[in-house]
Amino acid sequence: MFSKKLTFYIKIIIIYLLLPSSYAQERLLSNPSQVSFLYGVGSTEKIQRILSRVRLIPPVSYFAGIGYRSPLLGSTPIKLEIQTLKHFGRQTAWEVIICPVIETPKVQIRNVGFTWAIGNGISALIGKNAHFEDAKGIKTRRVLNYLLIEQNIFFRESPHYQVTLRWHHRCHVFGKIAPKRTGSNFFVIGIKYLI
């Protein structure tokens, strides 16, 4: 049984490799993997408070890191993103994220294009000084839910590069997986390279 399935998948791979290279290239370019270089500034304030303030709430923590996103199910818009981020400022821990993501198709307006994405996964803080998200008298958990909402902008002249703007949100899921009032919000800018 197992050997029949293995043989079937090997045949599919061989057929795909023997297809005309233009077809294979078109499939690859229509749903490429992505490498992201990210920089974020953040606060433990609730998103409603951040967005309702006239004055900017000063960030108290920062991160820089790298992400890799790859198609999870062939040519579908579902992808899997893995991120490794190094925090500095009020905390110096590392953050590791695994997150399924759904991307929209590209929208092209003259020479500028856009895509949007939303993801929901798991975020874990690793290392010392990971208490930035603690509320008054309440310790947060190192593993929290992770929500990602992003917009990508690209230009026709350089189709392999994108500018990404992202909301990076670690949360307690309404108190279900961690104490309420813990978590953080980061606003992220990055550069993506499509492989």
N, C-alpha and C. Protein backbone atom coordinates (compact mmCIF):
# COMPACT_ATOMS: atom_id res chain seq x y z
N MET A 1 0.83 -1.21 0.00
CA MET A 1 0.00 0.00 0.00
C MET A 1 0.86 1.26 0.00
N PHE A 2 1.81 1.32 0.96
CA PHE A 2 2.68 2.48 1.05
C PHE A 2 3.54 2.62 -0.20
N SER A 3 4.07 1.51 -0.70
CA SER A 3 4.95 1.58 -1.87
C SER A 3 4.18 2.04 -3.11
N LYS A 4 2.88 1.69 -3.22
CA LYS A 4 2.08 2.15 -4.36
C LYS A 4 1.90 3.67 -4.30
N LYS A 5 1.65 4.20 -3.10
CA LYS A 5 1.51 5.65 -2.96
C LYS A 5 2.81 6.36 -3.28
N LEU A 6 3.91 5.81 -2.78
CA LEU A 6 5.22 6.39 -3.04
C LEU A 6 5.51 6.40 -4.54
N THR A 7 5.22 5.29 -5.20
CA THR A 7 5.43 5.20 -6.65
C THR A 7 4.59 6.24 -7.38
N PHE A 8 3.35 6.40 -6.96
CA PHE A 8 2.44 7.37 -7.58
C PHE A 8 3.03 8.79 -7.46
N TYR A 9 3.51 9.17 -6.26
CA TYR A 9 4.05 10.52 -6.06
C TYR A 9 5.34 10.72 -6.85
N ILE A 10 6.16 9.70 -6.94
CA ILE A 10 7.39 9.80 -7.73
C ILE A 10 7.04 10.04 -9.20
N LYS A 11 6.03 9.33 -9.72
CA LYS A 11 5.60 9.53 -11.11
C LYS A 11 5.12 10.96 -11.32
N ILE A 12 4.34 11.48 -10.39
CA ILE A 12 3.85 12.87 -10.51
C ILE A 12 5.02 13.84 -10.57
N ILE A 13 6.01 13.67 -9.71
CA ILE A 13 7.17 14.56 -9.69
C ILE A 13 7.93 14.47 -11.01
N ILE A 14 8.13 13.27 -11.53
CA ILE A 14 8.85 13.11 -12.80
C ILE A 14 8.08 13.77 -13.94
N ILE A 15 6.76 13.58 -13.99
CA ILE A 15 5.95 14.22 -15.03
C ILE A 15 6.07 15.73 -14.94
N TYR A 16 6.01 16.27 -13.72
CA TYR A 16 6.13 17.71 -13.54
C TYR A 16 7.48 18.22 -14.02
N LEU A 17 8.54 17.49 -13.69
CA LEU A 17 9.88 17.91 -14.10
C LEU A 17 10.07 17.84 -15.61
N LEU A 18 9.34 16.95 -16.28
CA LEU A 18 9.46 16.81 -17.73
C LEU A 18 8.57 17.78 -18.51
N LEU A 19 7.69 18.50 -17.81
CA LEU A 19 6.84 19.47 -18.49
C LEU A 19 7.69 20.59 -19.08
N PRO A 20 7.19 21.28 -20.09
CA PRO A 20 7.95 22.41 -20.64
C PRO A 20 8.33 23.39 -19.55
N SER A 21 9.54 23.89 -19.62
CA SER A 21 10.05 24.73 -18.53
C SER A 21 9.23 26.01 -18.38
N SER A 22 8.65 26.53 -19.48
CA SER A 22 7.85 27.76 -19.38
C SER A 22 6.62 27.51 -18.50
N TYR A 23 6.01 26.32 -18.61
CA TYR A 23 4.85 26.01 -17.78
C TYR A 23 5.25 25.90 -16.32
N ALA A 24 6.35 25.19 -16.06
CA ALA A 24 6.83 25.03 -14.68
C ALA A 24 7.19 26.39 -14.08
N GLN A 25 7.82 27.24 -14.90
CA GLN A 25 8.20 28.56 -14.40
C GLN A 25 6.96 29.40 -14.10
N GLU A 26 5.96 29.30 -14.97
CA GLU A 26 4.71 30.05 -14.74
C GLU A 26 4.04 29.62 -13.44
N ARG A 27 4.02 28.31 -13.18
CA ARG A 27 3.44 27.80 -11.93
C ARG A 27 4.21 28.31 -10.73
N LEU A 28 5.54 28.33 -10.84
CA LEU A 28 6.37 28.77 -9.74
C LEU A 28 6.16 30.26 -9.46
N LEU A 29 6.11 31.06 -10.53
CA LEU A 29 5.96 32.50 -10.37
C LEU A 29 4.56 32.88 -9.90
N SER A 30 3.56 32.05 -10.19
CA SER A 30 2.20 32.39 -9.78
C SER A 30 1.98 32.20 -8.28
N ASN A 31 2.80 31.41 -7.63
CA ASN A 31 2.64 31.17 -6.19
C ASN A 31 4.01 30.93 -5.56
N PRO A 32 4.88 31.94 -5.56
CA PRO A 32 6.25 31.72 -5.11
C PRO A 32 6.39 31.68 -3.59
N SER A 33 7.50 31.12 -3.14
CA SER A 33 7.88 31.24 -1.73
C SER A 33 8.43 32.65 -1.52
N GLN A 34 8.48 33.07 -0.25
CA GLN A 34 8.90 34.44 0.06
C GLN A 34 9.85 34.44 1.24
N VAL A 35 10.88 35.28 1.16
CA VAL A 35 11.76 35.54 2.30
C VAL A 35 11.55 37.00 2.69
N SER A 36 11.28 37.25 3.98
CA SER A 36 10.99 38.60 4.46
C SER A 36 12.06 39.05 5.44
N PHE A 37 12.45 40.31 5.34
CA PHE A 37 13.32 40.96 6.30
C PHE A 37 12.47 42.01 7.00
N LEU A 38 12.27 41.86 8.32
CA LEU A 38 11.24 42.61 9.04
C LEU A 38 11.83 43.47 10.15
N TYR A 39 11.20 44.64 10.37
CA TYR A 39 11.54 45.51 11.50
C TYR A 39 10.23 46.01 12.11
N GLY A 40 10.07 45.86 13.43
CA GLY A 40 8.83 46.24 14.06
C GLY A 40 9.04 47.11 15.29
N VAL A 41 8.06 47.97 15.55
CA VAL A 41 8.03 48.77 16.77
C VAL A 41 6.73 48.45 17.49
N GLY A 42 6.80 48.33 18.84
CA GLY A 42 5.60 47.85 19.52
C GLY A 42 5.36 48.43 20.88
N SER A 43 4.17 48.08 21.37
CA SER A 43 3.68 48.54 22.66
C SER A 43 2.77 47.46 23.24
N THR A 44 2.52 47.55 24.53
CA THR A 44 1.57 46.63 25.15
C THR A 44 0.17 47.23 25.22
N GLU A 45 0.00 48.42 24.66
CA GLU A 45 -1.32 49.05 24.64
C GLU A 45 -2.28 48.25 23.77
N LYS A 46 -3.58 48.30 24.10
CA LYS A 46 -4.58 47.66 23.26
C LYS A 46 -4.66 48.37 21.93
N ILE A 47 -4.99 47.61 20.88
CA ILE A 47 -5.03 48.19 19.54
C ILE A 47 -6.08 49.31 19.45
N GLN A 48 -7.21 49.17 20.16
CA GLN A 48 -8.24 50.20 20.12
C GLN A 48 -7.69 51.53 20.66
N ARG A 49 -6.89 51.44 21.71
CA ARG A 49 -6.33 52.66 22.31
C ARG A 49 -5.28 53.27 21.39
N ILE A 50 -4.47 52.43 20.75
CA ILE A 50 -3.46 52.94 19.83
C ILE A 50 -4.12 53.69 18.67
N LEU A 51 -5.15 53.08 18.08
CA LEU A 51 -5.80 53.67 16.91
C LEU A 51 -6.67 54.89 17.26
N SER A 52 -7.15 54.97 18.49
CA SER A 52 -8.03 56.09 18.86
C SER A 52 -7.26 57.30 19.36
N ARG A 53 -5.99 57.15 19.64
CA ARG A 53 -5.20 58.27 20.16
C ARG A 53 -4.85 59.25 19.05
N VAL A 54 -4.95 60.54 19.36
CA VAL A 54 -4.53 61.57 18.41
C VAL A 54 -3.01 61.62 18.38
N ARG A 55 -2.41 61.55 19.57
CA ARG A 55 -0.95 61.55 19.66
C ARG A 55 -0.44 60.13 19.55
N LEU A 56 0.74 59.99 19.01
CA LEU A 56 1.35 58.68 18.85
C LEU A 56 1.78 58.13 20.22
N ILE A 57 1.42 56.89 20.50
CA ILE A 57 1.90 56.24 21.72
C ILE A 57 3.32 55.78 21.45
N PRO A 58 4.29 56.24 22.24
CA PRO A 58 5.68 55.89 21.93
C PRO A 58 5.92 54.39 22.08
N PRO A 59 6.61 53.79 21.11
CA PRO A 59 6.93 52.37 21.23
C PRO A 59 7.94 52.14 22.35
N VAL A 60 7.84 50.99 22.98
CA VAL A 60 8.77 50.67 24.07
C VAL A 60 9.58 49.41 23.78
N SER A 61 9.29 48.76 22.68
CA SER A 61 10.05 47.58 22.31
C SER A 61 10.14 47.51 20.79
N TYR A 62 11.16 46.82 20.32
CA TYR A 62 11.45 46.75 18.89
C TYR A 62 11.86 45.32 18.55
N PHE A 63 11.79 44.97 17.28
CA PHE A 63 12.39 43.71 16.85
C PHE A 63 12.87 43.81 15.43
N ALA A 64 13.78 42.92 15.09
CA ALA A 64 14.24 42.76 13.71
C ALA A 64 14.37 41.27 13.48
N GLY A 65 14.08 40.83 12.27
CA GLY A 65 14.16 39.39 12.03
C GLY A 65 13.89 39.02 10.60
N ILE A 66 13.70 37.73 10.41
CA ILE A 66 13.53 37.16 9.09
C ILE A 66 12.35 36.20 9.10
N GLY A 67 11.65 36.13 7.99
CA GLY A 67 10.53 35.21 7.86
C GLY A 67 10.63 34.45 6.55
N TYR A 68 10.04 33.28 6.52
CA TYR A 68 9.98 32.48 5.30
C TYR A 68 8.57 31.97 5.12
N ARG A 69 7.96 32.24 3.97
CA ARG A 69 6.59 31.82 3.67
C ARG A 69 6.60 30.97 2.41
N SER A 70 5.93 29.82 2.50
CA SER A 70 5.92 28.89 1.38
C SER A 70 4.51 28.33 1.19
N PRO A 71 4.13 28.04 -0.07
CA PRO A 71 2.81 27.45 -0.30
C PRO A 71 2.64 26.16 0.49
N LEU A 72 1.48 26.05 1.14
CA LEU A 72 1.20 24.87 1.96
C LEU A 72 0.47 23.81 1.16
N LEU A 73 -0.40 24.25 0.27
CA LEU A 73 -1.22 23.33 -0.52
C LEU A 73 -1.13 23.67 -1.99
N GLY A 74 0.00 23.44 -2.61
CA GLY A 74 0.16 23.65 -4.05
C GLY A 74 -0.10 25.08 -4.47
N SER A 75 -1.03 25.26 -5.40
CA SER A 75 -1.27 26.59 -5.95
C SER A 75 -2.41 27.33 -5.24
N THR A 76 -2.83 26.84 -4.07
CA THR A 76 -3.88 27.53 -3.32
C THR A 76 -3.29 28.76 -2.62
N PRO A 77 -4.14 29.68 -2.14
CA PRO A 77 -3.62 30.86 -1.45
C PRO A 77 -3.17 30.59 -0.02
N ILE A 78 -3.24 29.34 0.42
CA ILE A 78 -2.85 29.00 1.80
C ILE A 78 -1.36 28.73 1.86
N LYS A 79 -0.67 29.47 2.74
CA LYS A 79 0.78 29.33 2.88
C LYS A 79 1.12 29.15 4.35
N LEU A 80 2.34 28.73 4.62
CA LEU A 80 2.82 28.59 5.99
C LEU A 80 4.00 29.53 6.16
N GLU A 81 3.95 30.36 7.21
CA GLU A 81 5.04 31.29 7.49
C GLU A 81 5.73 30.92 8.78
N ILE A 82 7.06 30.96 8.75
CA ILE A 82 7.90 30.76 9.93
C ILE A 82 8.74 32.02 10.09
N GLN A 83 8.75 32.58 11.31
CA GLN A 83 9.53 33.79 11.58
C GLN A 83 10.47 33.56 12.76
N THR A 84 11.62 34.19 12.70
CA THR A 84 12.54 34.26 13.83
C THR A 84 12.87 35.73 14.03
N LEU A 85 12.55 36.25 15.21
CA LEU A 85 12.71 37.67 15.49
C LEU A 85 13.54 37.88 16.75
N LYS A 86 14.38 38.91 16.74
CA LYS A 86 15.16 39.27 17.92
C LYS A 86 14.63 40.59 18.46
N HIS A 87 14.14 40.55 19.71
CA HIS A 87 13.60 41.76 20.35
C HIS A 87 14.72 42.55 21.02
N PHE A 88 14.53 43.85 21.07
CA PHE A 88 15.41 44.72 21.86
C PHE A 88 14.58 45.90 22.34
N GLY A 89 15.11 46.63 23.30
CA GLY A 89 14.31 47.65 23.98
C GLY A 89 13.91 47.11 25.34
N ARG A 90 12.61 47.11 25.66
CA ARG A 90 12.15 46.65 26.97
C ARG A 90 12.28 45.14 27.16
N GLN A 91 12.46 44.39 26.08
CA GLN A 91 12.73 42.95 26.23
C GLN A 91 13.78 42.56 25.20
N THR A 92 14.53 41.51 25.53
CA THR A 92 15.62 41.09 24.64
C THR A 92 15.47 39.63 24.24
N ALA A 93 14.28 39.08 24.37
CA ALA A 93 14.06 37.68 24.04
C ALA A 93 14.00 37.48 22.53
N TRP A 94 14.12 36.22 22.11
CA TRP A 94 13.86 35.82 20.74
C TRP A 94 12.40 35.41 20.63
N GLU A 95 11.83 35.60 19.45
CA GLU A 95 10.46 35.17 19.20
C GLU A 95 10.44 34.26 17.98
N VAL A 96 9.78 33.12 18.12
CA VAL A 96 9.63 32.17 17.01
C VAL A 96 8.15 32.01 16.73
N ILE A 97 7.77 32.10 15.45
CA ILE A 97 6.36 32.09 15.06
C ILE A 97 6.14 31.05 13.96
N ILE A 98 5.07 30.30 14.08
CA ILE A 98 4.59 29.40 13.02
C ILE A 98 3.14 29.79 12.76
N CYS A 99 2.84 30.10 11.50
CA CYS A 99 1.54 30.70 11.22
C CYS A 99 1.03 30.36 9.82
N PRO A 100 -0.10 29.66 9.70
CA PRO A 100 -0.74 29.52 8.39
C PRO A 100 -1.29 30.88 7.94
N VAL A 101 -1.15 31.18 6.66
CA VAL A 101 -1.53 32.48 6.12
C VAL A 101 -2.37 32.29 4.86
N ILE A 102 -3.38 33.12 4.68
CA ILE A 102 -4.15 33.15 3.44
C ILE A 102 -3.86 34.47 2.74
N GLU A 103 -3.42 34.39 1.48
CA GLU A 103 -3.11 35.59 0.69
C GLU A 103 -4.16 35.80 -0.39
N THR A 104 -4.44 37.07 -0.68
CA THR A 104 -5.34 37.39 -1.78
C THR A 104 -4.58 37.35 -3.10
N PRO A 105 -5.30 37.22 -4.20
CA PRO A 105 -4.63 37.37 -5.51
C PRO A 105 -4.11 38.79 -5.67
N LYS A 106 -3.18 38.97 -6.62
CA LYS A 106 -2.61 40.30 -6.86
C LYS A 106 -3.64 41.21 -7.51
N VAL A 107 -3.62 42.47 -7.08
CA VAL A 107 -4.42 43.52 -7.70
C VAL A 107 -3.43 44.51 -8.30
N GLN A 108 -3.47 44.69 -9.61
CA GLN A 108 -2.52 45.56 -10.31
C GLN A 108 -3.22 46.84 -10.74
N ILE A 109 -2.67 47.99 -10.37
CA ILE A 109 -3.17 49.29 -10.81
C ILE A 109 -2.00 50.01 -11.46
N ARG A 110 -2.01 50.00 -12.80
CA ARG A 110 -0.90 50.53 -13.61
C ARG A 110 0.39 49.81 -13.24
N ASN A 111 1.37 50.54 -12.71
CA ASN A 111 2.67 49.92 -12.41
C ASN A 111 2.79 49.44 -10.97
N VAL A 112 1.75 49.62 -10.17
CA VAL A 112 1.80 49.25 -8.75
C VAL A 112 0.80 48.12 -8.49
N GLY A 113 1.21 47.15 -7.70
CA GLY A 113 0.33 46.04 -7.36
C GLY A 113 0.22 45.87 -5.86
N PHE A 114 -0.84 45.19 -5.44
CA PHE A 114 -1.11 44.99 -4.02
C PHE A 114 -1.57 43.55 -3.78
N THR A 115 -1.22 43.02 -2.63
CA THR A 115 -1.83 41.81 -2.10
C THR A 115 -2.08 42.03 -0.62
N TRP A 116 -3.01 41.29 -0.07
CA TRP A 116 -3.30 41.35 1.36
C TRP A 116 -3.24 39.94 1.92
N ALA A 117 -2.97 39.84 3.21
CA ALA A 117 -2.88 38.51 3.84
C ALA A 117 -3.34 38.59 5.28
N ILE A 118 -3.85 37.46 5.75
CA ILE A 118 -4.23 37.33 7.16
C ILE A 118 -3.77 35.96 7.63
N GLY A 119 -3.26 35.89 8.85
CA GLY A 119 -2.79 34.62 9.39
C GLY A 119 -3.06 34.51 10.87
N ASN A 120 -3.13 33.28 11.35
CA ASN A 120 -3.37 33.04 12.77
C ASN A 120 -2.56 31.81 13.16
N GLY A 121 -1.65 31.98 14.13
CA GLY A 121 -0.78 30.86 14.49
C GLY A 121 -0.33 30.93 15.94
N ILE A 122 0.90 30.50 16.17
CA ILE A 122 1.46 30.41 17.52
C ILE A 122 2.77 31.20 17.57
N SER A 123 2.95 31.95 18.66
CA SER A 123 4.17 32.71 18.88
C SER A 123 4.77 32.30 20.22
N ALA A 124 6.08 32.05 20.22
CA ALA A 124 6.76 31.66 21.46
C ALA A 124 7.96 32.57 21.71
N LEU A 125 8.08 33.07 22.94
CA LEU A 125 9.25 33.86 23.34
C LEU A 125 10.27 32.92 23.98
N ILE A 126 11.52 33.08 23.58
CA ILE A 126 12.59 32.20 24.06
C ILE A 126 13.72 33.07 24.61
N GLY A 127 14.24 32.69 25.75
CA GLY A 127 15.38 33.41 26.32
C GLY A 127 14.98 34.24 27.53
N LYS A 128 15.95 34.97 28.05
CA LYS A 128 15.74 35.80 29.24
C LYS A 128 15.08 37.11 28.86
N ASN A 129 14.60 37.82 29.86
CA ASN A 129 13.99 39.14 29.71
C ASN A 129 12.85 39.10 28.70
N ALA A 130 11.86 38.23 28.98
CA ALA A 130 10.69 38.11 28.11
C ALA A 130 9.43 38.57 28.84
N HIS A 131 9.56 39.60 29.67
CA HIS A 131 8.44 40.02 30.51
C HIS A 131 7.84 41.35 30.07
N PHE A 132 8.14 41.80 28.88
CA PHE A 132 7.63 43.06 28.35
C PHE A 132 6.10 43.10 28.34
N GLU A 133 5.45 41.95 28.11
CA GLU A 133 4.00 41.91 27.97
C GLU A 133 3.26 41.70 29.29
N ASP A 134 3.97 41.58 30.40
CA ASP A 134 3.31 41.39 31.68
C ASP A 134 2.42 42.59 32.01
N ALA A 135 1.21 42.32 32.48
CA ALA A 135 0.33 43.38 32.97
C ALA A 135 0.67 43.61 34.44
N LYS A 136 0.03 44.59 35.05
CA LYS A 136 0.33 44.90 36.45
C LYS A 136 0.01 43.69 37.32
N GLY A 137 1.04 43.11 37.90
CA GLY A 137 0.86 41.97 38.79
C GLY A 137 0.49 40.66 38.10
N ILE A 138 0.45 40.64 36.77
CA ILE A 138 0.07 39.42 36.03
C ILE A 138 1.19 39.07 35.07
N LYS A 139 1.66 37.84 35.16
CA LYS A 139 2.71 37.38 34.24
C LYS A 139 2.06 36.79 33.00
N THR A 140 2.58 37.19 31.85
CA THR A 140 2.08 36.62 30.60
C THR A 140 2.69 35.25 30.36
N ARG A 141 2.19 34.55 29.40
CA ARG A 141 2.75 33.25 29.01
C ARG A 141 3.73 33.48 27.87
N ARG A 142 4.73 32.64 27.81
CA ARG A 142 5.69 32.75 26.70
C ARG A 142 5.07 32.35 25.37
N VAL A 143 4.13 31.43 25.40
CA VAL A 143 3.46 30.99 24.16
C VAL A 143 2.06 31.62 24.13
N LEU A 144 1.83 32.41 23.08
CA LEU A 144 0.53 33.07 22.90
C LEU A 144 0.04 32.87 21.47
N ASN A 145 -1.21 33.20 21.28
CA ASN A 145 -1.77 33.22 19.94
C ASN A 145 -1.11 34.34 19.14
N TYR A 146 -0.98 34.16 17.84
CA TYR A 146 -0.37 35.17 16.97
C TYR A 146 -1.32 35.50 15.83
N LEU A 147 -1.58 36.78 15.63
CA LEU A 147 -2.42 37.24 14.53
C LEU A 147 -1.59 38.15 13.64
N LEU A 148 -1.71 37.95 12.35
CA LEU A 148 -0.97 38.72 11.36
C LEU A 148 -1.97 39.28 10.35
N ILE A 149 -1.91 40.57 10.10
CA ILE A 149 -2.66 41.19 9.01
C ILE A 149 -1.66 42.06 8.25
N GLU A 150 -1.58 41.87 6.93
CA GLU A 150 -0.56 42.61 6.19
C GLU A 150 -1.05 43.06 4.82
N GLN A 151 -0.37 44.08 4.32
CA GLN A 151 -0.55 44.54 2.95
C GLN A 151 0.83 44.55 2.30
N ASN A 152 0.89 44.02 1.08
CA ASN A 152 2.14 44.00 0.33
C ASN A 152 1.99 44.90 -0.89
N ILE A 153 3.05 45.64 -1.20
CA ILE A 153 3.06 46.55 -2.34
C ILE A 153 4.23 46.16 -3.23
N PHE A 154 3.98 46.04 -4.52
CA PHE A 154 5.06 45.70 -5.43
C PHE A 154 4.96 46.54 -6.69
N PHE A 155 6.06 46.62 -7.44
CA PHE A 155 6.14 47.44 -8.63
C PHE A 155 6.47 46.56 -9.83
N ARG A 156 5.87 46.88 -10.97
CA ARG A 156 6.04 46.06 -12.17
C ARG A 156 7.50 45.94 -12.57
N GLU A 157 8.30 46.99 -12.33
CA GLU A 157 9.72 46.98 -12.74
C GLU A 157 10.55 46.01 -11.92
N SER A 158 10.12 45.70 -10.70
CA SER A 158 10.88 44.77 -9.85
C SER A 158 9.91 43.77 -9.22
N PRO A 159 9.41 42.81 -10.01
CA PRO A 159 8.35 41.91 -9.53
C PRO A 159 8.78 40.94 -8.43
N HIS A 160 10.09 40.75 -8.24
CA HIS A 160 10.54 39.80 -7.21
C HIS A 160 10.67 40.44 -5.83
N TYR A 161 10.43 41.76 -5.73
CA TYR A 161 10.54 42.45 -4.45
C TYR A 161 9.19 43.06 -4.08
N GLN A 162 8.88 43.04 -2.78
CA GLN A 162 7.67 43.66 -2.28
C GLN A 162 7.99 44.42 -0.99
N VAL A 163 7.26 45.50 -0.75
CA VAL A 163 7.30 46.19 0.54
C VAL A 163 6.10 45.66 1.32
N THR A 164 6.31 45.27 2.56
CA THR A 164 5.22 44.72 3.36
C THR A 164 4.98 45.59 4.60
N LEU A 165 3.71 45.85 4.89
CA LEU A 165 3.27 46.56 6.09
C LEU A 165 2.40 45.59 6.86
N ARG A 166 2.68 45.42 8.13
CA ARG A 166 2.06 44.32 8.88
C ARG A 166 1.68 44.74 10.29
N TRP A 167 0.57 44.20 10.77
CA TRP A 167 0.19 44.28 12.18
C TRP A 167 0.53 42.92 12.79
N HIS A 168 1.37 42.93 13.81
CA HIS A 168 1.90 41.74 14.47
C HIS A 168 1.32 41.74 15.89
N HIS A 169 0.42 40.81 16.17
CA HIS A 169 -0.35 40.86 17.42
C HIS A 169 -0.22 39.54 18.18
N ARG A 170 0.36 39.60 19.38
CA ARG A 170 0.39 38.45 20.29
C ARG A 170 -0.75 38.66 21.29
N CYS A 171 -1.58 37.62 21.46
CA CYS A 171 -2.74 37.84 22.31
C CYS A 171 -3.14 36.60 23.11
N HIS A 172 -4.02 36.84 24.09
CA HIS A 172 -4.47 35.81 25.02
C HIS A 172 -5.78 35.17 24.59
N VAL A 173 -6.32 35.55 23.43
CA VAL A 173 -7.60 35.04 22.90
C VAL A 173 -8.71 35.22 23.94
N PHE A 174 -8.94 36.48 24.30
CA PHE A 174 -10.01 36.82 25.23
C PHE A 174 -9.89 36.07 26.56
N GLY A 175 -8.66 35.89 27.03
CA GLY A 175 -8.42 35.23 28.30
C GLY A 175 -8.48 33.72 28.27
N LYS A 176 -8.61 33.12 27.11
CA LYS A 176 -8.74 31.66 27.01
C LYS A 176 -7.42 30.93 27.19
N ILE A 177 -6.30 31.51 26.71
CA ILE A 177 -5.01 30.79 26.80
C ILE A 177 -3.99 31.49 27.68
N ALA A 178 -4.32 32.67 28.16
CA ALA A 178 -3.41 33.42 29.03
C ALA A 178 -4.23 34.48 29.76
N PRO A 179 -3.67 35.07 30.82
CA PRO A 179 -4.43 36.09 31.55
C PRO A 179 -4.78 37.28 30.65
N LYS A 180 -5.94 37.88 30.90
CA LYS A 180 -6.33 39.07 30.15
C LYS A 180 -5.35 40.20 30.44
N ARG A 181 -5.32 41.17 29.55
CA ARG A 181 -4.43 42.34 29.62
C ARG A 181 -2.98 42.00 29.34
N THR A 182 -2.70 40.80 28.87
CA THR A 182 -1.34 40.46 28.45
C THR A 182 -1.31 40.39 26.93
N GLY A 183 -0.13 40.53 26.35
CA GLY A 183 0.00 40.51 24.90
C GLY A 183 0.64 41.80 24.41
N SER A 184 0.77 41.94 23.09
CA SER A 184 1.42 43.13 22.53
C SER A 184 0.98 43.36 21.10
N ASN A 185 1.23 44.57 20.63
CA ASN A 185 0.95 44.98 19.26
C ASN A 185 2.21 45.60 18.66
N PHE A 186 2.62 45.11 17.51
CA PHE A 186 3.76 45.67 16.80
C PHE A 186 3.33 46.08 15.40
N PHE A 187 3.86 47.18 14.95
CA PHE A 187 3.65 47.60 13.58
C PHE A 187 4.95 47.40 12.83
N VAL A 188 4.87 46.70 11.72
CA VAL A 188 6.06 46.15 11.06
C VAL A 188 6.16 46.66 9.64
N ILE A 189 7.38 46.97 9.23
CA ILE A 189 7.68 47.24 7.83
C ILE A 189 8.75 46.24 7.41
N GLY A 190 8.68 45.82 6.17
CA GLY A 190 9.66 44.84 5.73
C GLY A 190 9.82 44.82 4.23
N ILE A 191 10.81 44.09 3.80
CA ILE A 191 11.07 43.84 2.38
C ILE A 191 10.95 42.36 2.16
N LYS A 192 10.20 41.97 1.12
CA LYS A 192 10.06 40.57 0.76
C LYS A 192 10.76 40.30 -0.55
N TYR A 193 11.39 39.15 -0.61
CA TYR A 193 11.98 38.69 -1.87
C TYR A 193 11.26 37.41 -2.26
N LEU A 194 10.70 37.38 -3.46
CA LEU A 194 9.97 36.21 -3.95
C LEU A 194 10.93 35.27 -4.64
N ILE A 195 10.98 34.04 -4.15
CA ILE A 195 11.92 33.04 -4.67
C ILE A 195 11.31 32.33 -5.85
